[in-house]
PDB file of N, CA and C in Angstrom:
ATOM      1  N   UNK A   1     -53.011  51.859  34.941  1.00  0.00           N
ATOM      2  CA  UNK A   1     -52.955  50.608  34.585  1.00  0.00           C
ATOM      3  C   UNK A   1     -52.763  50.485  33.103  1.00  0.00           C
ATOM      4  N   UNK A   2     -53.518  51.440  32.475  1.00  0.00           N
ATOM      5  CA  UNK A   2     -53.405  51.522  31.112  1.00  0.00           C
ATOM      6  C   UNK A   2     -51.797  51.910  30.719  1.00  0.00           C
ATOM      7  N   UNK A   3     -51.328  52.788  31.261  1.00  0.00           N
ATOM      8  CA  UNK A   3     -49.956  53.151  31.200  1.00  0.00           C
ATOM      9  C   UNK A   3     -48.853  51.839  31.445  1.00  0.00           C
ATOM     10  N   UNK A   4     -49.273  51.216  32.530  1.00  0.00           N
ATOM     11  CA  UNK A   4     -48.351  49.975  32.809  1.00  0.00           C
ATOM     12  C   UNK A   4     -48.437  49.141  31.606  1.00  0.00           C
ATOM     13  N   UNK A   5     -49.705  48.732  31.093  1.00  0.00           N
ATOM     14  CA  UNK A   5     -49.903  47.821  30.024  1.00  0.00           C
ATOM     15  C   UNK A   5     -49.165  48.514  28.842  1.00  0.00           C
ATOM     16  N   UNK A   6     -49.210  49.746  28.574  1.00  0.00           N
ATOM     17  CA  UNK A   6     -48.651  50.285  27.258  1.00  0.00           C
ATOM     18  C   UNK A   6     -47.005  50.127  27.483  1.00  0.00           C
ATOM     19  N   UNK A   7     -46.484  50.286  28.692  1.00  0.00           N
ATOM     20  CA  UNK A   7     -45.128  50.133  28.968  1.00  0.00           C
ATOM     21  C   UNK A   7     -44.739  48.659  28.688  1.00  0.00           C
ATOM     22  N   UNK A   8     -45.571  47.798  29.144  1.00  0.00           N
ATOM     23  CA  UNK A   8     -45.280  46.342  29.063  1.00  0.00           C
ATOM     24  C   UNK A   8     -45.330  45.952  27.638  1.00  0.00           C
ATOM     25  N   UNK A   9     -46.253  46.478  26.849  1.00  0.00           N
ATOM     26  CA  UNK A   9     -46.620  46.113  25.368  1.00  0.00           C
ATOM     27  C   UNK A   9     -45.364  46.745  24.740  1.00  0.00           C
ATOM     28  N   UNK A  10     -44.808  47.945  24.950  1.00  0.00           N
ATOM     29  CA  UNK A  10     -43.564  48.481  24.230  1.00  0.00           C
ATOM     30  C   UNK A  10     -42.345  47.534  24.702  1.00  0.00           C
ATOM     31  N   UNK A  11     -42.145  47.136  25.897  1.00  0.00           N
ATOM     32  CA  UNK A  11     -41.138  46.436  26.206  1.00  0.00           C
ATOM     33  C   UNK A  11     -41.141  44.882  25.400  1.00  0.00           C
ATOM     34  N   UNK A  12     -42.352  44.417  25.219  1.00  0.00           N
ATOM     35  CA  UNK A  12     -42.422  43.199  24.513  1.00  0.00           C
ATOM     36  C   UNK A  12     -42.254  43.225  22.961  1.00  0.00           C
ATOM     37  N   UNK A  13     -42.725  44.502  22.535  1.00  0.00           N
ATOM     38  CA  UNK A  13     -42.360  44.811  20.996  1.00  0.00           C
ATOM     39  C   UNK A  13     -40.760  44.959  20.790  1.00  0.00           C
ATOM     40  N   UNK A  14     -40.180  45.543  21.942  1.00  0.00           N
ATOM     41  CA  UNK A  14     -38.765  45.801  21.973  1.00  0.00           C
ATOM     42  C   UNK A  14     -37.985  44.344  21.792  1.00  0.00           C
ATOM     43  N   UNK A  15     -38.517  43.687  22.805  1.00  0.00           N
ATOM     44  CA  UNK A  15     -38.002  42.233  22.837  1.00  0.00           C
ATOM     45  C   UNK A  15     -38.232  41.516  21.605  1.00  0.00           C
ATOM     46  N   UNK A  16     -39.235  41.613  21.052  1.00  0.00           N
ATOM     47  CA  UNK A  16     -39.476  40.969  19.577  1.00  0.00           C
ATOM     48  C   UNK A  16     -38.493  41.461  18.626  1.00  0.00           C
ATOM     49  N   UNK A  17     -38.650  42.822  18.472  1.00  0.00           N
ATOM     50  CA  UNK A  17     -37.609  43.204  17.495  1.00  0.00           C
ATOM     51  C   UNK A  17     -35.878  42.855  17.654  1.00  0.00           C
ATOM     52  N   UNK A  18     -35.677  42.730  19.001  1.00  0.00           N
ATOM     53  CA  UNK A  18     -34.545  42.187  19.298  1.00  0.00           C
ATOM     54  C   UNK A  18     -34.089  40.645  18.920  1.00  0.00           C
ATOM     55  N   UNK A  19     -35.163  39.854  19.149  1.00  0.00           N
ATOM     56  CA  UNK A  19     -35.208  38.449  18.799  1.00  0.00           C
ATOM     57  C   UNK A  19     -35.282  38.420  17.370  1.00  0.00           C
ATOM     58  N   UNK A  20     -36.077  39.142  16.642  1.00  0.00           N
ATOM     59  CA  UNK A  20     -35.879  39.052  15.174  1.00  0.00           C
ATOM     60  C   UNK A  20     -34.749  39.640  14.515  1.00  0.00           C
ATOM     61  N   UNK A  21     -34.078  40.574  15.166  1.00  0.00           N
ATOM     62  CA  UNK A  21     -32.756  41.126  14.625  1.00  0.00           C
ATOM     63  C   UNK A  21     -31.738  39.827  14.786  1.00  0.00           C
ATOM     64  N   UNK A  22     -31.808  39.415  15.976  1.00  0.00           N
ATOM     65  CA  UNK A  22     -30.918  38.177  16.226  1.00  0.00           C
ATOM     66  C   UNK A  22     -31.249  37.008  15.303  1.00  0.00           C
ATOM     67  N   UNK A  23     -32.458  36.804  15.066  1.00  0.00           N
ATOM     68  CA  UNK A  23     -32.807  35.674  14.044  1.00  0.00           C
ATOM     69  C   UNK A  23     -32.279  36.012  12.696  1.00  0.00           C
ATOM     70  N   UNK A  24     -32.411  37.331  12.249  1.00  0.00           N
ATOM     71  CA  UNK A  24     -32.085  37.696  10.885  1.00  0.00           C
ATOM     72  C   UNK A  24     -30.320  37.584  10.838  1.00  0.00           C
ATOM     73  N   UNK A  25     -29.721  37.969  11.979  1.00  0.00           N
ATOM     74  CA  UNK A  25     -28.336  37.848  12.040  1.00  0.00           C
ATOM     75  C   UNK A  25     -27.833  36.344  11.833  1.00  0.00           C
ATOM     76  N   UNK A  26     -28.521  35.508  12.668  1.00  0.00           N
ATOM     77  CA  UNK A  26     -28.209  34.087  12.507  1.00  0.00           C
ATOM     78  C   UNK A  26     -28.547  33.555  11.150  1.00  0.00           C
ATOM     79  N   UNK A  27     -29.495  33.846  10.474  1.00  0.00           N
ATOM     80  CA  UNK A  27     -29.899  33.298   9.223  1.00  0.00           C
ATOM     81  C   UNK A  27     -28.910  33.904   8.091  1.00  0.00           C
ATOM     82  N   UNK A  28     -28.184  35.153   8.365  1.00  0.00           N
ATOM     83  CA  UNK A  28     -27.253  35.634   7.482  1.00  0.00           C
ATOM     84  C   UNK A  28     -26.016  34.875   7.691  1.00  0.00           C
ATOM     85  N   UNK A  29     -25.569  34.612   8.847  1.00  0.00           N
ATOM     86  CA  UNK A  29     -24.573  33.687   9.203  1.00  0.00           C
ATOM     87  C   UNK A  29     -24.693  32.481   8.630  1.00  0.00           C
ATOM     88  N   UNK A  30     -25.735  31.790   8.805  1.00  0.00           N
ATOM     89  CA  UNK A  30     -26.112  30.509   8.259  1.00  0.00           C
ATOM     90  C   UNK A  30     -25.889  30.364   6.853  1.00  0.00           C
ATOM     91  N   UNK A  31     -26.291  31.562   6.091  1.00  0.00           N
ATOM     92  CA  UNK A  31     -26.322  31.347   4.608  1.00  0.00           C
ATOM     93  C   UNK A  31     -24.798  31.762   4.275  1.00  0.00           C
ATOM     94  N   UNK A  32     -24.167  32.583   5.052  1.00  0.00           N
ATOM     95  CA  UNK A  32     -22.697  32.619   4.655  1.00  0.00           C
ATOM     96  C   UNK A  32     -21.854  31.464   4.832  1.00  0.00           C
ATOM     97  N   UNK A  33     -22.201  30.557   5.918  1.00  0.00           N
ATOM     98  CA  UNK A  33     -21.578  29.287   6.204  1.00  0.00           C
ATOM     99  C   UNK A  33     -22.022  28.312   5.115  1.00  0.00           C
ATOM    100  N   UNK A  34     -23.238  28.369   4.598  1.00  0.00           N
ATOM    101  CA  UNK A  34     -23.599  27.436   3.438  1.00  0.00           C
ATOM    102  C   UNK A  34     -22.850  27.810   2.311  1.00  0.00           C
ATOM    103  N   UNK A  35     -22.682  29.097   2.076  1.00  0.00           N
ATOM    104  CA  UNK A  35     -21.985  29.512   0.840  1.00  0.00           C
ATOM    105  C   UNK A  35     -20.622  29.017   0.980  1.00  0.00           C
ATOM    106  N   UNK A  36     -19.900  29.259   2.046  1.00  0.00           N
ATOM    107  CA  UNK A  36     -18.490  28.932   2.212  1.00  0.00           C
ATOM    108  C   UNK A  36     -18.452  27.397   2.110  1.00  0.00           C
ATOM    109  N   UNK A  37     -19.467  26.525   2.682  1.00  0.00           N
ATOM    110  CA  UNK A  37     -19.297  25.107   2.729  1.00  0.00           C
ATOM    111  C   UNK A  37     -19.450  24.725   1.050  1.00  0.00           C
ATOM    112  N   UNK A  38     -20.357  25.325   0.310  1.00  0.00           N
ATOM    113  CA  UNK A  38     -20.508  24.976  -1.190  1.00  0.00           C
ATOM    114  C   UNK A  38     -19.191  25.435  -1.855  1.00  0.00           C
ATOM    115  N   UNK A  39     -18.470  26.334  -1.461  1.00  0.00           N
ATOM    116  CA  UNK A  39     -17.327  26.858  -2.163  1.00  0.00           C
ATOM    117  C   UNK A  39     -16.355  25.925  -1.779  1.00  0.00           C
ATOM    118  N   UNK A  40     -15.995  25.516  -0.513  1.00  0.00           N
ATOM    119  CA  UNK A  40     -15.099  24.423  -0.179  1.00  0.00           C
ATOM    120  C   UNK A  40     -15.450  23.172  -0.886  1.00  0.00           C
ATOM    121  N   UNK A  41     -16.789  22.790  -1.061  1.00  0.00           N
ATOM    122  CA  UNK A  41     -16.848  21.510  -1.527  1.00  0.00           C
ATOM    123  C   UNK A  41     -16.563  21.401  -3.040  1.00  0.00           C
ATOM    124  N   UNK A  42     -16.771  22.699  -3.813  1.00  0.00           N
ATOM    125  CA  UNK A  42     -16.552  22.806  -5.101  1.00  0.00           C
ATOM    126  C   UNK A  42     -14.867  22.703  -5.310  1.00  0.00           C
ATOM    127  N   UNK A  43     -14.076  23.465  -4.451  1.00  0.00           N
ATOM    128  CA  UNK A  43     -12.847  23.396  -4.489  1.00  0.00           C
ATOM    129  C   UNK A  43     -12.137  22.151  -4.312  1.00  0.00           C
ATOM    130  N   UNK A  44     -12.835  21.220  -3.337  1.00  0.00           N
ATOM    131  CA  UNK A  44     -12.382  19.956  -3.058  1.00  0.00           C
ATOM    132  C   UNK A  44     -12.575  18.900  -4.218  1.00  0.00           C
ATOM    133  N   UNK A  45     -13.854  19.115  -4.705  1.00  0.00           N
ATOM    134  CA  UNK A  45     -14.157  18.385  -6.011  1.00  0.00           C
ATOM    135  C   UNK A  45     -13.019  18.782  -7.166  1.00  0.00           C
ATOM    136  N   UNK A  46     -12.800  20.021  -7.415  1.00  0.00           N
ATOM    137  CA  UNK A  46     -11.674  20.372  -8.396  1.00  0.00           C
ATOM    138  C   UNK A  46     -10.421  19.766  -7.826  1.00  0.00           C
ATOM    139  N   UNK A  47      -9.951  19.842  -6.666  1.00  0.00           N
ATOM    140  CA  UNK A  47      -8.683  19.180  -6.265  1.00  0.00           C
ATOM    141  C   UNK A  47      -8.649  17.900  -6.523  1.00  0.00           C
ATOM    142  N   UNK A  48      -9.645  17.056  -6.223  1.00  0.00           N
ATOM    143  CA  UNK A  48      -9.848  15.612  -6.381  1.00  0.00           C
ATOM    144  C   UNK A  48      -9.767  15.308  -7.980  1.00  0.00           C
ATOM    145  N   UNK A  49     -10.303  15.991  -8.757  1.00  0.00           N
ATOM    146  CA  UNK A  49     -10.257  15.823 -10.195  1.00  0.00           C
ATOM    147  C   UNK A  49      -8.809  16.114 -10.645  1.00  0.00           C
ATOM    148  N   UNK A  50      -8.422  17.321 -10.031  1.00  0.00           N
ATOM    149  CA  UNK A  50      -6.856  17.592 -10.508  1.00  0.00           C
ATOM    150  C   UNK A  50      -6.023  16.426 -10.179  1.00  0.00           C
ATOM    151  N   UNK A  51      -6.232  15.852  -8.967  1.00  0.00           N
ATOM    152  CA  UNK A  51      -5.248  14.829  -8.368  1.00  0.00           C
ATOM    153  C   UNK A  51      -5.463  13.511  -9.289  1.00  0.00           C
ATOM    154  N   UNK A  52      -6.852  13.142  -9.753  1.00  0.00           N
ATOM    155  CA  UNK A  52      -7.232  12.067 -10.784  1.00  0.00           C
ATOM    156  C   UNK A  52      -6.438  12.294 -11.993  1.00  0.00           C
ATOM    157  N   UNK A  53      -6.533  13.562 -12.559  1.00  0.00           N
ATOM    158  CA  UNK A  53      -5.928  13.842 -13.789  1.00  0.00           C
ATOM    159  C   UNK A  53      -4.319  13.500 -13.767  1.00  0.00           C
ATOM    160  N   UNK A  54      -3.746  14.006 -12.717  1.00  0.00           N
ATOM    161  CA  UNK A  54      -2.553  14.034 -12.439  1.00  0.00           C
ATOM    162  C   UNK A  54      -2.027  12.523 -12.421  1.00  0.00           C
ATOM    163  N   UNK A  55      -2.643  11.848 -11.747  1.00  0.00           N
ATOM    164  CA  UNK A  55      -2.294  10.409 -11.389  1.00  0.00           C
ATOM    165  C   UNK A  55      -2.311   9.571 -12.943  1.00  0.00           C
ATOM    166  N   UNK A  56      -3.412   9.984 -13.611  1.00  0.00           N
ATOM    167  CA  UNK A  56      -3.545   9.397 -15.110  1.00  0.00           C
ATOM    168  C   UNK A  56      -2.369   9.695 -15.833  1.00  0.00           C
ATOM    169  N   UNK A  57      -1.981  11.028 -15.736  1.00  0.00           N
ATOM    170  CA  UNK A  57      -0.816  11.397 -16.629  1.00  0.00           C
ATOM    171  C   UNK A  57       0.448  10.680 -16.080  1.00  0.00           C
ATOM    172  N   UNK A  58       0.558  10.715 -14.681  1.00  0.00           N
ATOM    173  CA  UNK A  58       1.831   9.885 -14.399  1.00  0.00           C
ATOM    174  C   UNK A  58       1.703   8.478 -14.820  1.00  0.00           C
ATOM    175  N   UNK A  59       0.633   7.816 -14.533  1.00  0.00           N
ATOM    176  CA  UNK A  59       0.498   6.422 -15.078  1.00  0.00           C
ATOM    177  C   UNK A  59       0.888   6.255 -16.477  1.00  0.00           C
ATOM    178  N   UNK A  60       0.289   7.089 -17.184  1.00  0.00           N
ATOM    179  CA  UNK A  60       0.577   7.199 -18.797  1.00  0.00           C
ATOM    180  C   UNK A  60       1.962   7.248 -19.166  1.00  0.00           C
ATOM    181  N   UNK A  61       2.742   8.418 -18.340  1.00  0.00           N
ATOM    182  CA  UNK A  61       4.125   8.680 -18.559  1.00  0.00           C
ATOM    183  C   UNK A  61       4.893   7.351 -18.001  1.00  0.00           C
ATOM    184  N   UNK A  62       4.456   6.912 -16.994  1.00  0.00           N
ATOM    185  CA  UNK A  62       5.183   5.748 -16.367  1.00  0.00           C
ATOM    186  C   UNK A  62       5.215   4.549 -17.452  1.00  0.00           C
ATOM    187  N   UNK A  63       4.067   4.335 -17.875  1.00  0.00           N
ATOM    188  CA  UNK A  63       3.949   3.251 -18.895  1.00  0.00           C
ATOM    189  C   UNK A  63       4.829   3.439 -20.119  1.00  0.00           C
ATOM    190  N   UNK A  64       4.777   4.782 -20.549  1.00  0.00           N
ATOM    191  CA  UNK A  64       5.536   4.971 -21.793  1.00  0.00           C
ATOM    192  C   UNK A  64       7.012   4.897 -21.507  1.00  0.00           C
ATOM    193  N   UNK A  65       7.363   5.370 -20.168  1.00  0.00           N
ATOM    194  CA  UNK A  65       9.030   5.182 -19.935  1.00  0.00           C
ATOM    195  C   UNK A  65       9.114   3.743 -19.775  1.00  0.00           C
ATOM    196  N   UNK A  66       8.429   2.982 -19.110  1.00  0.00           N
ATOM    197  CA  UNK A  66       8.540   1.544 -19.037  1.00  0.00           C
ATOM    198  C   UNK A  66       8.862   0.831 -20.390  1.00  0.00           C
ATOM    199  N   UNK A  67       7.766   1.193 -21.257  1.00  0.00           N
ATOM    200  CA  UNK A  67       7.844   0.615 -22.707  1.00  0.00           C
ATOM    201  C   UNK A  67       9.212   1.067 -23.236  1.00  0.00           C
ATOM    202  N   UNK A  68       9.592   2.197 -23.172  1.00  0.00           N
ATOM    203  CA  UNK A  68      10.811   2.745 -23.723  1.00  0.00           C
ATOM    204  C   UNK A  68      12.159   2.006 -23.159  1.00  0.00           C
ATOM    205  N   UNK A  69      12.050   1.849 -21.825  1.00  0.00           N
ATOM    206  CA  UNK A  69      13.148   1.138 -21.291  1.00  0.00           C
ATOM    207  C   UNK A  69      13.198  -0.073 -21.438  1.00  0.00           C
ATOM    208  N   UNK A  70      12.074  -0.759 -21.791  1.00  0.00           N
ATOM    209  CA  UNK A  70      11.997  -2.173 -22.220  1.00  0.00           C
ATOM    210  C   UNK A  70      12.540  -2.291 -23.560  1.00  0.00           C
ATOM    211  N   UNK A  71      12.096  -1.566 -24.436  1.00  0.00           N
ATOM    212  CA  UNK A  71      12.741  -1.483 -25.801  1.00  0.00           C
ATOM    213  C   UNK A  71      14.189  -1.289 -25.882  1.00  0.00           C
ATOM    214  N   UNK A  72      14.575  -0.389 -25.007  1.00  0.00           N
ATOM    215  CA  UNK A  72      16.208  -0.009 -24.953  1.00  0.00           C
ATOM    216  C   UNK A  72      16.635  -1.453 -24.480  1.00  0.00           C
ATOM    217  N   UNK A  73      16.198  -2.016 -23.491  1.00  0.00           N
ATOM    218  CA  UNK A  73      16.742  -3.183 -23.000  1.00  0.00           C
ATOM    219  C   UNK A  73      16.739  -4.321 -23.849  1.00  0.00           C
ATOM    220  N   UNK A  74      15.770  -4.527 -24.642  1.00  0.00           N
ATOM    221  CA  UNK A  74      15.622  -5.595 -25.782  1.00  0.00           C
ATOM    222  C   UNK A  74      16.782  -5.201 -26.795  1.00  0.00           C
ATOM    223  N   UNK A  75      16.919  -4.090 -27.208  1.00  0.00           N
ATOM    224  CA  UNK A  75      17.924  -3.548 -28.148  1.00  0.00           C
ATOM    225  C   UNK A  75      19.494  -4.039 -27.727  1.00  0.00           C
ATOM    226  N   UNK A  76      19.590  -3.745 -26.505  1.00  0.00           N
ATOM    227  CA  UNK A  76      20.862  -3.843 -25.987  1.00  0.00           C
ATOM    228  C   UNK A  76      21.190  -5.278 -25.684  1.00  0.00           C
ATOM    229  N   UNK A  77      20.201  -5.917 -25.318  1.00  0.00           N
ATOM    230  CA  UNK A  77      20.228  -7.581 -25.327  1.00  0.00           C
ATOM    231  C   UNK A  77      20.683  -8.057 -26.748  1.00  0.00           C
ATOM    232  N   UNK A  78      19.997  -7.512 -27.663  1.00  0.00           N
ATOM    233  CA  UNK A  78      20.359  -8.132 -29.002  1.00  0.00           C
ATOM    234  C   UNK A  78      21.666  -7.688 -29.535  1.00  0.00           C
ATOM    235  N   UNK A  79      22.271  -6.423 -29.151  1.00  0.00           N
ATOM    236  CA  UNK A  79      23.535  -6.026 -29.471  1.00  0.00           C
ATOM    237  C   UNK A  79      24.422  -6.931 -28.857  1.00  0.00           C
ATOM    238  N   UNK A  80      24.171  -7.415 -27.386  1.00  0.00           N
ATOM    239  CA  UNK A  80      25.126  -8.110 -26.690  1.00  0.00           C
ATOM    240  C   UNK A  80      25.186  -9.441 -27.386  1.00  0.00           C
ATOM    241  N   UNK A  81      24.078  -9.974 -27.676  1.00  0.00           N
ATOM    242  CA  UNK A  81      24.009 -11.434 -28.285  1.00  0.00           C
ATOM    243  C   UNK A  81      24.838 -11.403 -29.434  1.00  0.00           C
ATOM    244  N   UNK A  82      24.806 -10.225 -30.445  1.00  0.00           N
ATOM    245  CA  UNK A  82      25.561 -10.260 -31.602  1.00  0.00           C
ATOM    246  C   UNK A  82      26.996 -10.203 -31.386  1.00  0.00           C
ATOM    247  N   UNK A  83      27.386  -9.251 -30.428  1.00  0.00           N
ATOM    248  CA  UNK A  83      28.730  -9.102 -30.026  1.00  0.00           C
ATOM    249  C   UNK A  83      29.352 -10.473 -29.399  1.00  0.00           C
ATOM    250  N   UNK A  84      28.454 -11.160 -28.714  1.00  0.00           N
ATOM    251  CA  UNK A  84      28.955 -12.586 -28.115  1.00  0.00           C
ATOM    252  C   UNK A  84      29.101 -13.478 -29.242  1.00  0.00           C
ATOM    253  N   UNK A  85      28.183 -13.375 -30.205  1.00  0.00           N
ATOM    254  CA  UNK A  85      28.476 -14.492 -31.477  1.00  0.00           C
ATOM    255  C   UNK A  85      29.751 -14.095 -32.065  1.00  0.00           C
ATOM    256  N   UNK A  86      29.804 -12.711 -32.428  1.00  0.00           N
ATOM    257  CA  UNK A  86      30.985 -12.354 -33.207  1.00  0.00           C
ATOM    258  C   UNK A  86      32.370 -12.739 -32.491  1.00  0.00           C
ATOM    259  N   UNK A  87      32.239 -12.411 -31.242  1.00  0.00           N
ATOM    260  CA  UNK A  87      33.444 -12.909 -30.333  1.00  0.00           C
ATOM    261  C   UNK A  87      33.738 -14.329 -30.234  1.00  0.00           C
ATOM    262  N   UNK A  88      32.819 -15.093 -30.233  1.00  0.00           N
ATOM    263  CA  UNK A  88      32.815 -16.515 -30.451  1.00  0.00           C
ATOM    264  C   UNK A  88      33.431 -16.945 -31.707  1.00  0.00           C
ATOM    265  N   UNK A  89      32.826 -16.289 -32.781  1.00  0.00           N
ATOM    266  CA  UNK A  89      33.125 -16.658 -34.191  1.00  0.00           C
ATOM    267  C   UNK A  89      34.591 -16.207 -34.358  1.00  0.00           C
ATOM    268  N   UNK A  90      35.126 -15.180 -33.821  1.00  0.00           N
ATOM    269  CA  UNK A  90      36.574 -14.531 -33.856  1.00  0.00           C
ATOM    270  C   UNK A  90      37.350 -15.487 -33.034  1.00  0.00           C
ATOM    271  N   UNK A  91      36.911 -16.012 -31.986  1.00  0.00           N
ATOM    272  CA  UNK A  91      37.686 -16.879 -31.133  1.00  0.00           C
ATOM    273  C   UNK A  91      37.921 -18.205 -31.831  1.00  0.00           C
ATOM    274  N   UNK A  92      36.888 -18.601 -32.349  1.00  0.00           N
ATOM    275  CA  UNK A  92      37.034 -19.885 -33.205  1.00  0.00           C
ATOM    276  C   UNK A  92      37.979 -19.775 -34.142  1.00  0.00           C
ATOM    277  N   UNK A  93      37.768 -18.833 -34.973  1.00  0.00           N
ATOM    278  CA  UNK A  93      38.736 -18.415 -36.002  1.00  0.00           C
ATOM    279  C   UNK A  93      40.168 -18.365 -35.660  1.00  0.00           C
ATOM    280  N   UNK A  94      40.373 -17.712 -34.599  1.00  0.00           N
ATOM    281  CA  UNK A  94      41.645 -17.580 -33.957  1.00  0.00           C
ATOM    282  C   UNK A  94      42.361 -18.806 -33.510  1.00  0.00           C
ATOM    283  N   UNK A  95      41.378 -19.637 -32.970  1.00  0.00           N
ATOM    284  CA  UNK A  95      41.907 -21.077 -32.658  1.00  0.00           C
ATOM    285  C   UNK A  95      42.248 -21.918 -33.793  1.00  0.00           C
ATOM    286  N   UNK A  96      41.389 -21.805 -34.663  1.00  0.00           N
ATOM    287  CA  UNK A  96      41.534 -22.616 -35.923  1.00  0.00           C
ATOM    288  C   UNK A  96      42.670 -22.012 -36.706  1.00  0.00           C
ATOM    289  N   UNK A  97      43.193 -20.834 -36.632  1.00  0.00           N
ATOM    290  CA  UNK A  97      44.273 -20.127 -37.202  1.00  0.00           C
ATOM    291  C   UNK A  97      45.478 -20.678 -36.507  1.00  0.00           C
ATOM    292  N   UNK A  98      45.453 -20.607 -35.257  1.00  0.00           N
ATOM    293  CA  UNK A  98      46.629 -21.067 -34.391  1.00  0.00           C
ATOM    294  C   UNK A  98      46.754 -22.581 -34.407  1.00  0.00           C
ATOM    295  N   UNK A  99      45.702 -23.202 -34.759  1.00  0.00           N
ATOM    296  CA  UNK A  99      45.832 -24.809 -34.969  1.00  0.00           C
ATOM    297  C   UNK A  99      46.515 -25.073 -36.271  1.00  0.00           C
ATOM    298  N   UNK A 100      45.990 -24.325 -37.261  1.00  0.00           N
ATOM    299  CA  UNK A 100      46.689 -24.453 -38.611  1.00  0.00           C
ATOM    300  C   UNK A 100      48.310 -24.052 -38.569  1.00  0.00           C
ATOM    301  N   UNK A 101      48.262 -23.005 -37.879  1.00  0.00           N
ATOM    302  CA  UNK A 101      49.769 -22.529 -37.815  1.00  0.00           C
ATOM    303  C   UNK A 101      50.619 -23.478 -37.146  1.00  0.00           C
ATOM    304  N   UNK A 102      50.127 -24.144 -35.930  1.00  0.00           N
ATOM    305  CA  UNK A 102      50.832 -25.238 -35.328  1.00  0.00           C
ATOM    306  C   UNK A 102      51.029 -26.238 -36.005  1.00  0.00           C
ATOM    307  N   UNK A 103      50.230 -26.979 -36.832  1.00  0.00           N
ATOM    308  CA  UNK A 103      50.431 -27.829 -37.900  1.00  0.00           C
ATOM    309  C   UNK A 103      51.620 -27.573 -38.777  1.00  0.00           C
ATOM    310  N   UNK A 104      51.481 -26.326 -39.308  1.00  0.00           N
ATOM    311  CA  UNK A 104      52.537 -25.846 -40.237  1.00  0.00           C
ATOM    312  C   UNK A 104      53.798 -25.809 -39.574  1.00  0.00           C
ATOM    313  N   UNK A 105      53.882 -25.477 -38.213  1.00  0.00           N
ATOM    314  CA  UNK A 105      55.172 -25.497 -37.459  1.00  0.00           C
ATOM    315  C   UNK A 105      55.664 -26.714 -37.313  1.00  0.00           C
ATOM    316  N   UNK A 106      54.843 -27.678 -36.833  1.00  0.00           N
ATOM    317  CA  UNK A 106      55.126 -29.023 -36.689  1.00  0.00           C
ATOM    318  C   UNK A 106      55.542 -29.864 -37.899  1.00  0.00           C
ATOM    319  N   UNK A 107      54.991 -29.547 -38.910  1.00  0.00           N
ATOM    320  CA  UNK A 107      55.633 -30.163 -40.359  1.00  0.00           C
ATOM    321  C   UNK A 107      56.933 -29.594 -40.638  1.00  0.00           C
ATOM    322  N   UNK A 108      57.011 -28.314 -40.299  1.00  0.00           N
ATOM    323  CA  UNK A 108      58.448 -27.737 -40.696  1.00  0.00           C
ATOM    324  C   UNK A 108      59.561 -28.337 -39.715  1.00  0.00           C
ATOM    325  N   UNK A 109      59.135 -28.464 -38.605  1.00  0.00           N
ATOM    326  CA  UNK A 109      60.131 -29.081 -37.563  1.00  0.00           C
ATOM    327  C   UNK A 109      60.274 -30.659 -37.942  1.00  0.00           C
ATOM    328  N   UNK A 110      59.449 -31.129 -38.266  1.00  0.00           N
ATOM    329  CA  UNK A 110      59.627 -32.711 -38.865  1.00  0.00           C
ATOM    330  C   UNK A 110      60.410 -32.722 -40.069  1.00  0.00           C
ATOM    331  N   UNK A 111      60.272 -31.780 -41.035  1.00  0.00           N
ATOM    332  CA  UNK A 111      61.125 -31.705 -42.314  1.00  0.00           C
ATOM    333  C   UNK A 111      62.511 -31.404 -41.866  1.00  0.00           C
ATOM    334  N   UNK A 112      62.862 -30.655 -40.790  1.00  0.00           N
ATOM    335  CA  UNK A 112      64.160 -30.412 -40.549  1.00  0.00           C
ATOM    336  C   UNK A 112      64.866 -31.318 -39.483  1.00  0.00           C
TER     337      UNK A 112
END
């Protein structure tokens, strides 16, 4: 009887040791999973910050490019307006000269 109880007790101790080992393994895997999760969360936070930084840089560069293009457009419009005024002035002067020349020719024709 004592021998049977001893064998049963040894068997229970063996089972307890196995359960304890399984628990320890599960705790180690849980810690590894928690560490991996923390590492992934850190990488995700860094990636999100990197994305926000890049978006800010792109927005700033975009604004600078738009401002530069707007300035170039304004300058080009001013040059076009100046060319238009010069063209109109030259056209008016040419018409005036043609009109004066026509009068001179008409007077010469009348004189002859």
